[in-house]
Amino acid sequence: MIIVRSCQILLVAVFVGGCSSDQDDAIQPPLTLNQLRGGIELEQRSSQTVTAQLDSTSRRRDIITEHLRLLVGDTSIPAIACYSSLANTRPLPGLLWMPGSPNIKEDLMYPLDLLPRWAEEGFFVLSIDRPFHGDRPGNREHEIRQRGWPPVFGDYVADLTLSLDYLASRSQVDPERLGMVGLSTGGLEALVVGALDPRLKAVVCVSGQLAWPQVFATDAWKHIFAGLPLADSLVAARTPGPQALVYFTEQMPGLGVLDAARVAPLLAPRPLLLLGGTNDPLVPVASARATAAAAAEAYARAGVPQRFAMELEPGRGHAFSKKMQAQVLAWCQRWL
């Protein structure tokens, strides 16, 4: 998730292996797109073209895997693309896939083999390393401590938007059939990028439904922000969660807009699937339900309630189970 120090509760480890009723029902005020952009300090997009440098290509049966770098200005974004030779006969739906943080794109390759398996299902799949992850310059922990998490998250969103530019430009991809799947931090990224970029025709968020009032009503915030000096000092002082949220919002003004329950409604009427587990230590059930309630209301208001779905898997933690994988695949096949 956001965790400042590396924490093995995140996606690599889990893959290989109470609020009051008022808090449960609370729905934050709706956002505007301008408020969302401002909260994460997302700069105005330039008209620069994204090109690519191919580092290596491999083939397993009819699945092609490319390791490449997306280039725009002085920025170089490491990426992996997987697709089937079926693309030689017709354009494929394109999917941007993102893991959690501090995970990197290779964590979607080994040991789960997610990207190749989705390529086998007929998708052109792309994943990148976020800023300050993998071999990219800079230190994620330092950036979050110095600038706060929302502006750093804005850097992630900027690069994901550039990645969509590249995905849409590939001759093997149908630019009218683009979607995004995100896990953990990647799930929240999927919500935000989906809200800001109408090119995404379907979005899936797995274990990224962070609704801050509900998160801070439990101990989840202590895990999410572990290692951040503010969090450590508040934990040491035994500060109650709701009061800790006040301090966090004062130091990170953009945190309030990076609230899944406020962002998710902005995706309506485009198809949105939310998945998670009832035992997730980072995303409390109340947080997931608050996000779902806000989204369901927006989709009902738009007259397309069938385009939204949410399910929490009983007993599941912060993980991407076989059942979830099947649900995500079915959703993308249906809507893309």
C-alpha atoms as a PDB file:
ATOM      1  CA  MET A   1       0.000   0.000   0.000  1.00  0.00           C
ATOM      2  CA  ILE A   2       1.545   3.373   0.955  1.00  0.00           C
ATOM      3  CA  ILE A   3       3.867   1.951   3.560  1.00  0.00           C
ATOM      4  CA  VAL A   4       7.046   4.002   3.840  1.00  0.00           C
ATOM      5  CA  ARG A   5       9.373   1.303   5.067  1.00  0.00           C
ATOM      6  CA  SER A   6       9.338  -1.953   3.126  1.00  0.00           C
ATOM      7  CA  CYS A   7       6.731  -4.229   4.658  1.00  0.00           C
ATOM      8  CA  GLN A   8       6.340  -7.839   3.598  1.00  0.00           C
ATOM      9  CA  ILE A   9       2.613  -7.800   4.262  1.00  0.00           C
ATOM     10  CA  LEU A  10       2.322  -6.367   0.765  1.00  0.00           C
ATOM     11  CA  LEU A  11       1.545  -8.111  -2.459  1.00  0.00           C
ATOM     12  CA  VAL A  12       4.635 -10.247  -3.023  1.00  0.00           C
ATOM     13  CA  ALA A  13       4.327 -11.925   0.349  1.00  0.00           C
ATOM     14  CA  VAL A  14       0.577 -12.396   0.359  1.00  0.00           C
ATOM     15  CA  PHE A  15       0.567 -13.623  -3.223  1.00  0.00           C
ATOM     16  CA  VAL A  16       3.075 -16.335  -2.479  1.00  0.00           C
ATOM     17  CA  GLY A  17       1.264 -17.358   0.409  1.00  0.00           C
ATOM     18  CA  GLY A  18     -14.680  -1.944  14.270  1.00  0.00           C
ATOM     19  CA  CYS A  19     -16.280   1.117  13.191  1.00  0.00           C
ATOM     20  CA  SER A  20     -19.560   2.466  14.475  1.00  0.00           C
ATOM     21  CA  SER A  21     -22.593   2.360  12.209  1.00  0.00           C
ATOM     22  CA  ASP A  22     -22.254   6.088  11.593  1.00  0.00           C
ATOM     23  CA  GLN A  23     -18.717   5.576  10.325  1.00  0.00           C
ATOM     24  CA  ASP A  24     -19.810   2.592   8.229  1.00  0.00           C
ATOM     25  CA  ASP A  25     -22.460   4.662   6.485  1.00  0.00           C
ATOM     26  CA  ALA A  26     -20.490   7.891   6.109  1.00  0.00           C
ATOM     27  CA  ILE A  27     -20.035   9.057   2.540  1.00  0.00           C
ATOM     28  CA  GLN A  28     -17.640  11.896   1.827  1.00  0.00           C
ATOM     29  CA  PRO A  29     -18.689  14.884  -0.312  1.00  0.00           C
ATOM     30  CA  PRO A  30     -18.253  14.354  -4.070  1.00  0.00           C
ATOM     31  CA  LEU A  31     -15.125  15.639  -5.772  1.00  0.00           C
ATOM     32  CA  THR A  32     -14.631  17.573  -8.953  1.00  0.00           C
ATOM     33  CA  LEU A  33     -11.910  16.565 -11.379  1.00  0.00           C
ATOM     34  CA  ASN A  34     -10.135  19.869 -10.761  1.00  0.00           C
ATOM     35  CA  GLN A  35     -10.109  19.217  -7.016  1.00  0.00           C
ATOM     36  CA  LEU A  36      -8.650  15.780  -7.634  1.00  0.00           C
ATOM     37  CA  ARG A  37      -5.923  17.128  -9.912  1.00  0.00           C
ATOM     38  CA  GLY A  38      -5.109  19.898  -7.461  1.00  0.00           C
ATOM     39  CA  GLY A  39      -5.014  17.589  -4.462  1.00  0.00           C
ATOM     40  CA  ILE A  40      -2.333  15.387  -6.006  1.00  0.00           C
ATOM     41  CA  GLU A  41      -0.580  18.375  -7.613  1.00  0.00           C
ATOM     42  CA  LEU A  42      -0.956  16.872 -11.076  1.00  0.00           C
ATOM     43  CA  GLU A  43       0.625  19.211 -13.585  1.00  0.00           C
ATOM     44  CA  GLN A  44      -0.984  20.200 -16.870  1.00  0.00           C
ATOM     45  CA  ARG A  45      -0.282  17.558 -19.483  1.00  0.00           C
ATOM     46  CA  SER A  46       2.216  18.392 -22.209  1.00  0.00           C
ATOM     47  CA  SER A  47       1.841  17.434 -25.848  1.00  0.00           C
ATOM     48  CA  GLN A  48       5.035  15.357 -25.864  1.00  0.00           C
ATOM     49  CA  THR A  49       4.946  12.069 -27.739  1.00  0.00           C
ATOM     50  CA  VAL A  50       5.753   8.849 -25.898  1.00  0.00           C
ATOM     51  CA  THR A  51       8.201   6.601 -27.732  1.00  0.00           C
ATOM     52  CA  ALA A  52       9.742   3.308 -26.669  1.00  0.00           C
ATOM     53  CA  GLN A  53      13.155   1.691 -26.555  1.00  0.00           C
ATOM     54  CA  LEU A  54      12.969  -2.099 -26.772  1.00  0.00           C
ATOM     55  CA  ASP A  55      15.502  -3.759 -24.464  1.00  0.00           C
ATOM     56  CA  SER A  56      14.609  -7.415 -25.051  1.00  0.00           C
ATOM     57  CA  THR A  57      11.947  -9.704 -26.476  1.00  0.00           C
ATOM     58  CA  SER A  58      11.110 -13.286 -25.590  1.00  0.00           C
ATOM     59  CA  ARG A  59       8.496 -15.736 -26.768  1.00  0.00           C
ATOM     60  CA  ARG A  60       6.776 -18.630 -25.002  1.00  0.00           C
ATOM     61  CA  ARG A  61       4.439 -20.516 -27.296  1.00  0.00           C
ATOM     62  CA  ASP A  62       2.394 -17.713 -28.870  1.00  0.00           C
ATOM     63  CA  ILE A  63       2.952 -15.162 -26.052  1.00  0.00           C
ATOM     64  CA  ILE A  64       5.401 -12.331 -26.731  1.00  0.00           C
ATOM     65  CA  THR A  65       7.007 -10.526 -23.785  1.00  0.00           C
ATOM     66  CA  GLU A  66       8.788  -7.210 -24.306  1.00  0.00           C
ATOM     67  CA  HIS A  67      11.022  -5.452 -21.778  1.00  0.00           C
ATOM     68  CA  LEU A  68      11.167  -1.824 -22.826  1.00  0.00           C
ATOM     69  CA  ARG A  69      11.488   1.765 -21.719  1.00  0.00           C
ATOM     70  CA  LEU A  70       8.880   4.405 -22.418  1.00  0.00           C
ATOM     71  CA  LEU A  71      10.572   7.682 -23.303  1.00  0.00           C
ATOM     72  CA  VAL A  72       9.126  11.171 -23.034  1.00  0.00           C
ATOM     73  CA  GLY A  73      11.385  14.176 -22.614  1.00  0.00           C
ATOM     74  CA  ASP A  74      13.996  13.286 -19.988  1.00  0.00           C
ATOM     75  CA  THR A  75      11.789  10.613 -18.446  1.00  0.00           C
ATOM     76  CA  SER A  76      12.467   6.901 -18.948  1.00  0.00           C
ATOM     77  CA  ILE A  77       9.794   4.529 -17.643  1.00  0.00           C
ATOM     78  CA  PRO A  78      10.720   0.814 -17.387  1.00  0.00           C
ATOM     79  CA  ALA A  79       7.863  -1.343 -18.670  1.00  0.00           C
ATOM     80  CA  ILE A  80       6.828  -4.885 -19.554  1.00  0.00           C
ATOM     81  CA  ALA A  81       4.363  -5.679 -22.337  1.00  0.00           C
ATOM     82  CA  CYS A  82       2.802  -9.102 -22.951  1.00  0.00           C
ATOM     83  CA  TYR A  83       0.541 -10.039 -25.823  1.00  0.00           C
ATOM     84  CA  SER A  84      -0.469 -12.933 -28.021  1.00  0.00           C
ATOM     85  CA  SER A  85       0.450 -13.437 -31.661  1.00  0.00           C
ATOM     86  CA  LEU A  86      -3.310 -13.142 -32.136  1.00  0.00           C
ATOM     87  CA  ALA A  87      -2.542  -9.424 -32.394  1.00  0.00           C
ATOM     88  CA  ASN A  88      -1.224 -10.141 -35.900  1.00  0.00           C
ATOM     89  CA  THR A  89      -4.800 -10.783 -37.019  1.00  0.00           C
ATOM     90  CA  ARG A  90      -6.798  -8.183 -35.063  1.00  0.00           C
ATOM     91  CA  PRO A  91      -6.272  -5.419 -32.475  1.00  0.00           C
ATOM     92  CA  LEU A  92      -6.577  -6.554 -28.863  1.00  0.00           C
ATOM     93  CA  PRO A  93      -8.132  -4.846 -25.843  1.00  0.00           C
ATOM     94  CA  GLY A  94      -5.376  -3.134 -23.864  1.00  0.00           C
ATOM     95  CA  LEU A  95      -4.933  -3.417 -20.104  1.00  0.00           C
ATOM     96  CA  LEU A  96      -2.700  -1.383 -17.824  1.00  0.00           C
ATOM     97  CA  TRP A  97      -1.833  -3.618 -14.840  1.00  0.00           C
ATOM     98  CA  MET A  98      -0.297  -2.251 -11.629  1.00  0.00           C
ATOM     99  CA  PRO A  99       0.945  -4.022  -8.483  1.00  0.00           C
ATOM    100  CA  GLY A 100       1.087  -2.558  -5.011  1.00  0.00           C
ATOM    101  CA  SER A 101       3.912  -0.474  -3.573  1.00  0.00           C
ATOM    102  CA  PRO A 102       6.841  -0.985  -3.069  1.00  0.00           C
ATOM    103  CA  ASN A 103       6.336  -3.796  -5.577  1.00  0.00           C
ATOM    104  CA  ILE A 104       7.609  -3.581  -9.141  1.00  0.00           C
ATOM    105  CA  LYS A 105       6.333  -4.753 -12.508  1.00  0.00           C
ATOM    106  CA  GLU A 106       8.228  -8.051 -12.341  1.00  0.00           C
ATOM    107  CA  ASP A 107       6.094  -9.029  -9.352  1.00  0.00           C
ATOM    108  CA  LEU A 108       3.231  -9.482 -11.823  1.00  0.00           C
ATOM    109  CA  MET A 109       5.406 -11.905 -13.792  1.00  0.00           C
ATOM    110  CA  TYR A 110       6.989 -14.133 -11.149  1.00  0.00           C
ATOM    111  CA  PRO A 111       5.837 -16.349  -9.550  1.00  0.00           C
ATOM    112  CA  LEU A 112       2.190 -15.651 -10.407  1.00  0.00           C
ATOM    113  CA  ASP A 113       2.653 -15.322 -14.158  1.00  0.00           C
ATOM    114  CA  LEU A 114      -0.233 -12.838 -14.249  1.00  0.00           C
ATOM    115  CA  LEU A 115       0.769 -10.812 -17.299  1.00  0.00           C
ATOM    116  CA  PRO A 116       1.477 -13.802 -19.579  1.00  0.00           C
ATOM    117  CA  ARG A 117      -1.712 -15.560 -18.477  1.00  0.00           C
ATOM    118  CA  TRP A 118      -3.787 -12.509 -19.278  1.00  0.00           C
ATOM    119  CA  ALA A 119      -2.061 -12.237 -22.634  1.00  0.00           C
ATOM    120  CA  GLU A 120      -3.159 -15.818 -23.258  1.00  0.00           C
ATOM    121  CA  GLU A 121      -6.745 -14.648 -22.669  1.00  0.00           C
ATOM    122  CA  GLY A 122      -6.467 -12.198 -25.546  1.00  0.00           C
ATOM    123  CA  PHE A 123      -5.388  -8.959 -23.849  1.00  0.00           C
ATOM    124  CA  PHE A 124      -2.415  -6.729 -24.601  1.00  0.00           C
ATOM    125  CA  VAL A 125      -1.057  -6.155 -21.093  1.00  0.00           C
ATOM    126  CA  LEU A 126       1.316  -3.387 -19.970  1.00  0.00           C
ATOM    127  CA  SER A 127       2.863  -2.698 -16.562  1.00  0.00           C
ATOM    128  CA  ILE A 128       5.433  -0.106 -15.486  1.00  0.00           C
ATOM    129  CA  ASP A 129       7.641   0.783 -12.553  1.00  0.00           C
ATOM    130  CA  ARG A 130       6.282   3.848 -10.797  1.00  0.00           C
ATOM    131  CA  PRO A 131       8.545   6.809 -10.032  1.00  0.00           C
ATOM    132  CA  PHE A 132      11.004   5.970  -7.224  1.00  0.00           C
ATOM    133  CA  HIS A 133      10.432   2.197  -7.655  1.00  0.00           C
ATOM    134  CA  GLY A 134      12.669  -0.507  -9.089  1.00  0.00           C
ATOM    135  CA  ASP A 135      15.615   0.923 -11.011  1.00  0.00           C
ATOM    136  CA  ARG A 136      14.107   4.397 -11.302  1.00  0.00           C
ATOM    137  CA  PRO A 137      16.020   7.303  -9.754  1.00  0.00           C
ATOM    138  CA  GLY A 138      15.120   8.788  -6.405  1.00  0.00           C
ATOM    139  CA  ASN A 139      14.126   7.339  -3.072  1.00  0.00           C
ATOM    140  CA  ARG A 140      10.451   6.699  -2.419  1.00  0.00           C
ATOM    141  CA  GLU A 141      10.718   7.028   1.360  1.00  0.00           C
ATOM    142  CA  HIS A 142      12.604  10.322   1.101  1.00  0.00           C
ATOM    143  CA  GLU A 143      10.122  11.755  -1.400  1.00  0.00           C
ATOM    144  CA  ILE A 144       7.120  10.892   0.766  1.00  0.00           C
ATOM    145  CA  ARG A 145       8.747  12.339   3.867  1.00  0.00           C
ATOM    146  CA  GLN A 146       9.759  15.552   2.118  1.00  0.00           C
ATOM    147  CA  ARG A 147       6.736  16.193  -0.085  1.00  0.00           C
ATOM    148  CA  GLY A 148       3.928  14.176   1.453  1.00  0.00           C
ATOM    149  CA  TRP A 149       2.209  11.201  -0.104  1.00  0.00           C
ATOM    150  CA  PRO A 150      -0.412  12.955  -2.328  1.00  0.00           C
ATOM    151  CA  PRO A 151       2.120  14.789  -4.570  1.00  0.00           C
ATOM    152  CA  VAL A 152       4.178  11.600  -4.896  1.00  0.00           C
ATOM    153  CA  PHE A 153       1.001   9.777  -5.864  1.00  0.00           C
ATOM    154  CA  GLY A 154       0.464  12.513  -8.456  1.00  0.00           C
ATOM    155  CA  ASP A 155       3.820  11.571  -9.976  1.00  0.00           C
ATOM    156  CA  TYR A 156       2.576   7.994 -10.234  1.00  0.00           C
ATOM    157  CA  VAL A 157      -0.608   9.112 -11.983  1.00  0.00           C
ATOM    158  CA  ALA A 158       1.323  11.271 -14.454  1.00  0.00           C
ATOM    159  CA  ASP A 159       3.444   8.318 -15.567  1.00  0.00           C
ATOM    160  CA  LEU A 160       0.437   6.011 -15.760  1.00  0.00           C
ATOM    161  CA  THR A 161      -1.261   8.500 -18.058  1.00  0.00           C
ATOM    162  CA  LEU A 162       1.823   8.521 -20.281  1.00  0.00           C
ATOM    163  CA  SER A 163       1.699   4.728 -20.251  1.00  0.00           C
ATOM    164  CA  LEU A 164      -1.881   4.870 -21.502  1.00  0.00           C
ATOM    165  CA  ASP A 165      -0.692   7.141 -24.313  1.00  0.00           C
ATOM    166  CA  TYR A 166       1.784   4.477 -25.312  1.00  0.00           C
ATOM    167  CA  LEU A 167      -0.677   1.614 -24.908  1.00  0.00           C
ATOM    168  CA  ALA A 168      -3.199   3.355 -27.150  1.00  0.00           C
ATOM    169  CA  SER A 169      -0.530   3.973 -29.780  1.00  0.00           C
ATOM    170  CA  ARG A 170       0.435   0.318 -30.249  1.00  0.00           C
ATOM    171  CA  SER A 171      -0.762  -1.143 -33.530  1.00  0.00           C
ATOM    172  CA  GLN A 172      -1.712  -4.361 -31.704  1.00  0.00           C
ATOM    173  CA  VAL A 173      -4.144  -2.494 -29.413  1.00  0.00           C
ATOM    174  CA  ASP A 174      -7.692  -1.279 -29.999  1.00  0.00           C
ATOM    175  CA  PRO A 175      -7.565   2.231 -28.455  1.00  0.00           C
ATOM    176  CA  GLU A 176     -11.324   2.149 -27.865  1.00  0.00           C
ATOM    177  CA  ARG A 177     -10.995  -0.884 -25.560  1.00  0.00           C
ATOM    178  CA  LEU A 178      -8.619   0.194 -22.797  1.00  0.00           C
ATOM    179  CA  GLY A 179      -8.911  -0.852 -19.165  1.00  0.00           C
ATOM    180  CA  MET A 180      -6.911  -0.818 -15.949  1.00  0.00           C
ATOM    181  CA  VAL A 181      -6.460  -3.344 -13.153  1.00  0.00           C
ATOM    182  CA  GLY A 182      -4.702  -2.352  -9.942  1.00  0.00           C
ATOM    183  CA  LEU A 183      -3.760  -4.198  -6.770  1.00  0.00           C
ATOM    184  CA  SER A 184      -3.392  -2.415  -3.425  1.00  0.00           C
ATOM    185  CA  THR A 185      -1.786   0.973  -4.201  1.00  0.00           C
ATOM    186  CA  GLY A 186      -2.332   0.056  -7.839  1.00  0.00           C
ATOM    187  CA  GLY A 187      -6.035  -0.267  -7.073  1.00  0.00           C
ATOM    188  CA  LEU A 188      -6.240   3.298  -5.814  1.00  0.00           C
ATOM    189  CA  GLU A 189      -4.207   4.354  -8.854  1.00  0.00           C
ATOM    190  CA  ALA A 190      -6.765   2.630 -11.075  1.00  0.00           C
ATOM    191  CA  LEU A 191      -9.568   4.634  -9.462  1.00  0.00           C
ATOM    192  CA  VAL A 192      -7.751   7.950  -9.826  1.00  0.00           C
ATOM    193  CA  VAL A 193      -6.501   7.376 -13.375  1.00  0.00           C
ATOM    194  CA  GLY A 194      -9.942   6.086 -14.324  1.00  0.00           C
ATOM    195  CA  ALA A 195     -11.585   9.193 -12.921  1.00  0.00           C
ATOM    196  CA  LEU A 196      -9.213  11.521 -14.774  1.00  0.00           C
ATOM    197  CA  ASP A 197      -8.836   9.673 -18.086  1.00  0.00           C
ATOM    198  CA  PRO A 198     -11.995   8.791 -20.053  1.00  0.00           C
ATOM    199  CA  ARG A 199      -9.976   6.519 -22.341  1.00  0.00           C
ATOM    200  CA  LEU A 200     -10.317   3.824 -19.682  1.00  0.00           C
ATOM    201  CA  LYS A 201     -13.503   1.942 -20.515  1.00  0.00           C
ATOM    202  CA  ALA A 202     -13.365  -0.434 -17.528  1.00  0.00           C
ATOM    203  CA  VAL A 203     -11.559  -0.299 -14.180  1.00  0.00           C
ATOM    204  CA  VAL A 204     -10.835  -2.872 -11.478  1.00  0.00           C
ATOM    205  CA  CYS A 205      -9.617  -1.946  -7.990  1.00  0.00           C
ATOM    206  CA  VAL A 206      -8.443  -4.809  -5.772  1.00  0.00           C
ATOM    207  CA  SER A 207      -7.748  -3.967  -2.112  1.00  0.00           C
ATOM    208  CA  GLY A 208      -7.251  -0.272  -2.792  1.00  0.00           C
ATOM    209  CA  GLN A 209     -10.484   1.141  -1.329  1.00  0.00           C
ATOM    210  CA  LEU A 210      -8.960   3.585   1.137  1.00  0.00           C
ATOM    211  CA  ALA A 211     -11.700   5.752   2.646  1.00  0.00           C
ATOM    212  CA  TRP A 212      -9.775   7.688   5.267  1.00  0.00           C
ATOM    213  CA  PRO A 213     -12.406   8.219   8.007  1.00  0.00           C
ATOM    214  CA  GLN A 214     -12.970   4.468   8.089  1.00  0.00           C
ATOM    215  CA  VAL A 215      -9.253   3.657   7.815  1.00  0.00           C
ATOM    216  CA  PHE A 216      -8.390   5.919  10.750  1.00  0.00           C
ATOM    217  CA  ALA A 217     -11.260   4.483  12.808  1.00  0.00           C
ATOM    218  CA  THR A 218      -9.212   1.266  12.989  1.00  0.00           C
ATOM    219  CA  ASP A 219      -5.519   0.481  13.411  1.00  0.00           C
ATOM    220  CA  ALA A 220      -5.107   0.168   9.630  1.00  0.00           C
ATOM    221  CA  TRP A 221      -3.571   3.639   9.355  1.00  0.00           C
ATOM    222  CA  LYS A 222      -0.724   2.556  11.640  1.00  0.00           C
ATOM    223  CA  HIS A 223       0.223  -0.174   9.157  1.00  0.00           C
ATOM    224  CA  ILE A 224      -0.322   1.947   6.051  1.00  0.00           C
ATOM    225  CA  PHE A 225       1.854   4.836   7.209  1.00  0.00           C
ATOM    226  CA  ALA A 226       4.360   2.801   9.235  1.00  0.00           C
ATOM    227  CA  GLY A 227       7.804   4.407   9.152  1.00  0.00           C
ATOM    228  CA  LEU A 228       6.526   7.909   8.438  1.00  0.00           C
ATOM    229  CA  PRO A 229       7.751  10.181  11.272  1.00  0.00           C
ATOM    230  CA  LEU A 230       4.305  11.720  11.758  1.00  0.00           C
ATOM    231  CA  ALA A 231       2.689   8.303  12.071  1.00  0.00           C
ATOM    232  CA  ASP A 232       5.370   6.972  14.398  1.00  0.00           C
ATOM    233  CA  SER A 233       5.049   9.978  16.709  1.00  0.00           C
ATOM    234  CA  LEU A 234       1.257   9.715  16.800  1.00  0.00           C
ATOM    235  CA  VAL A 235       1.428   5.999  17.552  1.00  0.00           C
ATOM    236  CA  ALA A 236       3.959   6.624  20.321  1.00  0.00           C
ATOM    237  CA  ALA A 237       1.630   9.248  21.803  1.00  0.00           C
ATOM    238  CA  ARG A 238      -1.314   6.819  21.554  1.00  0.00           C
ATOM    239  CA  THR A 239      -3.259   9.358  19.523  1.00  0.00           C
ATOM    240  CA  PRO A 240      -6.786   8.171  18.676  1.00  0.00           C
ATOM    241  CA  GLY A 241      -7.310   7.461  14.987  1.00  0.00           C
ATOM    242  CA  PRO A 242      -9.827  10.263  14.258  1.00  0.00           C
ATOM    243  CA  GLN A 243      -7.479  12.822  15.829  1.00  0.00           C
ATOM    244  CA  ALA A 244      -4.548  11.332  13.899  1.00  0.00           C
ATOM    245  CA  LEU A 245      -6.513  11.888  10.691  1.00  0.00           C
ATOM    246  CA  VAL A 246      -6.794  15.582  11.569  1.00  0.00           C
ATOM    247  CA  TYR A 247      -3.012  15.821  11.952  1.00  0.00           C
ATOM    248  CA  PHE A 248      -2.419  13.924   8.713  1.00  0.00           C
ATOM    249  CA  THR A 249      -4.822  16.145   6.801  1.00  0.00           C
ATOM    250  CA  GLU A 250      -3.096  19.249   8.158  1.00  0.00           C
ATOM    251  CA  GLN A 251       0.332  18.020   7.022  1.00  0.00           C
ATOM    252  CA  MET A 252      -0.908  16.443   3.765  1.00  0.00           C
ATOM    253  CA  PRO A 253      -3.774  18.643   2.519  1.00  0.00           C
ATOM    254  CA  GLY A 254      -4.257  16.495  -0.561  1.00  0.00           C
ATOM    255  CA  LEU A 255      -5.017  13.386   1.481  1.00  0.00           C
ATOM    256  CA  GLY A 256      -8.701  14.240   1.622  1.00  0.00           C
ATOM    257  CA  VAL A 257      -9.078  14.017  -2.151  1.00  0.00           C
ATOM    258  CA  LEU A 258      -7.188  10.720  -2.331  1.00  0.00           C
ATOM    259  CA  ASP A 259     -10.156   9.070  -0.684  1.00  0.00           C
ATOM    260  CA  ALA A 260     -11.554   6.114  -2.617  1.00  0.00           C
ATOM    261  CA  ALA A 261     -15.106   6.851  -1.485  1.00  0.00           C
ATOM    262  CA  ARG A 262     -14.844  10.297  -3.064  1.00  0.00           C
ATOM    263  CA  VAL A 263     -12.985   9.234  -6.203  1.00  0.00           C
ATOM    264  CA  ALA A 264     -14.967   6.126  -7.179  1.00  0.00           C
ATOM    265  CA  PRO A 265     -18.196   8.002  -8.055  1.00  0.00           C
ATOM    266  CA  LEU A 266     -16.281   9.970 -10.698  1.00  0.00           C
ATOM    267  CA  LEU A 267     -15.937   6.818 -12.815  1.00  0.00           C
ATOM    268  CA  ALA A 268     -19.674   6.424 -13.435  1.00  0.00           C
ATOM    269  CA  PRO A 269     -21.037   5.343 -15.889  1.00  0.00           C
ATOM    270  CA  ARG A 270     -17.951   3.327 -16.943  1.00  0.00           C
ATOM    271  CA  PRO A 271     -17.781  -0.235 -15.557  1.00  0.00           C
ATOM    272  CA  LEU A 272     -16.103  -0.487 -12.142  1.00  0.00           C
ATOM    273  CA  LEU A 273     -15.337  -3.601 -10.092  1.00  0.00           C
ATOM    274  CA  LEU A 274     -14.166  -3.415  -6.467  1.00  0.00           C
ATOM    275  CA  LEU A 275     -12.740  -6.503  -4.768  1.00  0.00           C
ATOM    276  CA  GLY A 276     -11.159  -7.175  -1.401  1.00  0.00           C
ATOM    277  CA  GLY A 277     -11.103  -9.418   1.639  1.00  0.00           C
ATOM    278  CA  THR A 278     -12.915  -9.228   4.953  1.00  0.00           C
ATOM    279  CA  ASN A 279      -9.652  -9.773   6.863  1.00  0.00           C
ATOM    280  CA  ASP A 280      -7.558  -7.164   5.067  1.00  0.00           C
ATOM    281  CA  PRO A 281      -5.377  -5.407   7.692  1.00  0.00           C
ATOM    282  CA  LEU A 282      -4.863  -2.382   5.429  1.00  0.00           C
ATOM    283  CA  VAL A 283      -8.366  -1.896   3.990  1.00  0.00           C
ATOM    284  CA  PRO A 284     -11.006  -2.270   6.720  1.00  0.00           C
ATOM    285  CA  VAL A 285     -14.391  -3.670   5.749  1.00  0.00           C
ATOM    286  CA  ALA A 286     -15.979  -0.327   6.630  1.00  0.00           C
ATOM    287  CA  SER A 287     -13.603   1.437   4.229  1.00  0.00           C
ATOM    288  CA  ALA A 288     -14.451  -0.927   1.383  1.00  0.00           C
ATOM    289  CA  ARG A 289     -18.167  -0.585   2.098  1.00  0.00           C
ATOM    290  CA  ALA A 290     -18.022   3.206   2.233  1.00  0.00           C
ATOM    291  CA  THR A 291     -16.330   3.226  -1.174  1.00  0.00           C
ATOM    292  CA  ALA A 292     -18.902   0.802  -2.559  1.00  0.00           C
ATOM    293  CA  ALA A 293     -21.828   2.786  -1.155  1.00  0.00           C
ATOM    294  CA  ALA A 294     -20.623   6.002  -2.756  1.00  0.00           C
ATOM    295  CA  ALA A 295     -19.994   4.273  -6.086  1.00  0.00           C
ATOM    296  CA  ALA A 296     -23.316   2.409  -6.064  1.00  0.00           C
ATOM    297  CA  GLU A 297     -25.189   5.657  -5.529  1.00  0.00           C
ATOM    298  CA  ALA A 298     -23.385   7.310  -8.449  1.00  0.00           C
ATOM    299  CA  TYR A 299     -24.028   4.385 -10.797  1.00  0.00           C
ATOM    300  CA  ALA A 300     -27.703   4.210  -9.797  1.00  0.00           C
ATOM    301  CA  ARG A 301     -28.014   7.945 -10.402  1.00  0.00           C
ATOM    302  CA  ALA A 302     -26.430   7.455 -13.842  1.00  0.00           C
ATOM    303  CA  GLY A 303     -28.991   4.752 -14.631  1.00  0.00           C
ATOM    304  CA  VAL A 304     -26.401   1.962 -15.001  1.00  0.00           C
ATOM    305  CA  PRO A 305     -26.300   0.064 -11.684  1.00  0.00           C
ATOM    306  CA  GLN A 306     -25.258  -3.104 -13.537  1.00  0.00           C
ATOM    307  CA  ARG A 307     -21.927  -1.502 -14.416  1.00  0.00           C
ATOM    308  CA  PHE A 308     -20.799  -1.493 -10.795  1.00  0.00           C
ATOM    309  CA  ALA A 309     -20.012  -4.468  -8.575  1.00  0.00           C
ATOM    310  CA  MET A 310     -18.254  -5.022  -5.262  1.00  0.00           C
ATOM    311  CA  GLU A 311     -17.423  -8.211  -3.392  1.00  0.00           C
ATOM    312  CA  LEU A 312     -15.442  -8.894  -0.242  1.00  0.00           C
ATOM    313  CA  GLU A 313     -14.117 -12.432  -0.024  1.00  0.00           C
ATOM    314  CA  PRO A 314     -14.781 -13.914   3.437  1.00  0.00           C
ATOM    315  CA  GLY A 315     -11.643 -14.579   5.449  1.00  0.00           C
ATOM    316  CA  ARG A 316      -9.326 -13.162   2.794  1.00  0.00           C
ATOM    317  CA  GLY A 317      -6.576 -10.721   3.732  1.00  0.00           C
ATOM    318  CA  HIS A 318      -4.572  -8.295   1.595  1.00  0.00           C
ATOM    319  CA  ALA A 319      -4.205 -10.707  -1.307  1.00  0.00           C
ATOM    320  CA  PHE A 320      -5.272 -11.501  -4.869  1.00  0.00           C
ATOM    321  CA  SER A 321      -6.898 -14.913  -4.656  1.00  0.00           C
ATOM    322  CA  LYS A 322      -7.700 -17.345  -7.458  1.00  0.00           C
ATOM    323  CA  LYS A 323     -11.359 -16.432  -7.075  1.00  0.00           C
ATOM    324  CA  MET A 324     -10.557 -12.734  -7.432  1.00  0.00           C
ATOM    325  CA  GLN A 325      -8.430 -13.412 -10.500  1.00  0.00           C
ATOM    326  CA  ALA A 326     -11.356 -15.207 -12.149  1.00  0.00           C
ATOM    327  CA  GLN A 327     -13.718 -12.353 -11.261  1.00  0.00           C
ATOM    328  CA  VAL A 328     -11.382  -9.727 -12.694  1.00  0.00           C
ATOM    329  CA  LEU A 329     -10.911 -11.696 -15.901  1.00  0.00           C
ATOM    330  CA  ALA A 330     -14.664 -12.147 -16.345  1.00  0.00           C
ATOM    331  CA  TRP A 331     -15.244  -8.425 -15.746  1.00  0.00           C
ATOM    332  CA  CYS A 332     -12.668  -7.349 -18.308  1.00  0.00           C
ATOM    333  CA  GLN A 333     -13.912  -9.875 -20.858  1.00  0.00           C
ATOM    334  CA  ARG A 334     -17.449  -8.612 -20.373  1.00  0.00           C
ATOM    335  CA  TRP A 335     -16.755  -4.904 -20.658  1.00  0.00           C
ATOM    336  CA  LEU A 336     -13.749  -4.752 -22.993  1.00  0.00           C
END
